[in-house]
Amino acid sequence: MLAVERRGEFPRELRATAETLGLHLALAIDNACLAERQRRFADELEGKVAAATRRLRELDRAKSDFVSIVSHELRTPLTSIQGFSELLLSRPPSAEGARRWLELIHREAERLGRIVADLLDLSRIERGGERALGPAPLALGPLIDANVELLASQSAAHTIERDLPDALPPVVADHDALDRVLKNLLANAIKYSPGGGPVRVWARVSAEGPGRVERGVEDRGVGIPAASVSRMFEKYCRVPHPDTAHVRGLGLGLALVKSLVEAQGGRIRVESQVGRGSRFVLSLPIA
């Protein structure tokens, strides 16, 4: 507001001058507001460009890490397959030697297949095109027993304990998906407790929420640092530890487990202490 006071009447020339001055002041204020708005817009745009640039750098770094990890994981079995196949072609082995080399080639080929399957499955899930699951009433007991028997035969240093109540209600789940989840969790429990010891598989009706069954896999292995627990279900997440440096993998297993569990209406969480082991607990709806 511009206020002009004068004793007596305003001459016409003075009134015109005051109006012209008021107009110039109004234009100056408008220009100042526009300049301030432009400055704020420029600052906001600069911030968004900087954030987008950082995100692009992160994506580029993630792509480079992914290529490096996958290349490393694929190179090892490919080298074994190539080496032993060349031995078979270049020198006539004994029957026992040939069988041993073929077993190694077969094992490494299976490992390659698992890596490619994990990558393809995770890619399909991220695109929203995961294979159609067939949730149906499923008894956990036989599925757990089959996996306990399978994994127990693969490690003499570990004892797999089964703890299930007699009357455990069936859950709504896809058999193949849940079988894959259990195999992954049990294999991880064995790999990340290199000193051996018990691995416990248990199930019970959830006390926290009605209509759900909880199933857990526990080990007494190296454990997970508190700062890394929240990242365990992220892709390519691997927590370094000197006792498990020999463990190979892309860091996709737990990301795939979480996706498969949530695709069936389930939830999964992890509890862990360094040096005392880890516990993975998933819950599924009762049939």
Foldseek 3Di string as FASTA:
>chain_A
DDDDDDPDDDDPVNVVVVVVVVVVVVVVVVVVVVVVVVVVVVVVVVVVVVVVVVVVVVVVVVVVVLVVQVCVQLVVLVVLLVVLVVVVVPDPDDPVVNVVSVVSNVVSVVSVVVQVVLVVQVVCVVVVNHDDADWDFDDVVVLVVVLQVVVCVVDVQADEAEAEDPDDFTFTAGSVLVSLLVNLLSVVQPLQAVNYYYKYWYKDQDPPDPQKIKIKIKHQGQKDDPVCQVVLLPWQDDDDDVVNPVDGDRSRSSVSSQSRQVVQVKHWGKDIDGRGIIMIMMMGGGD
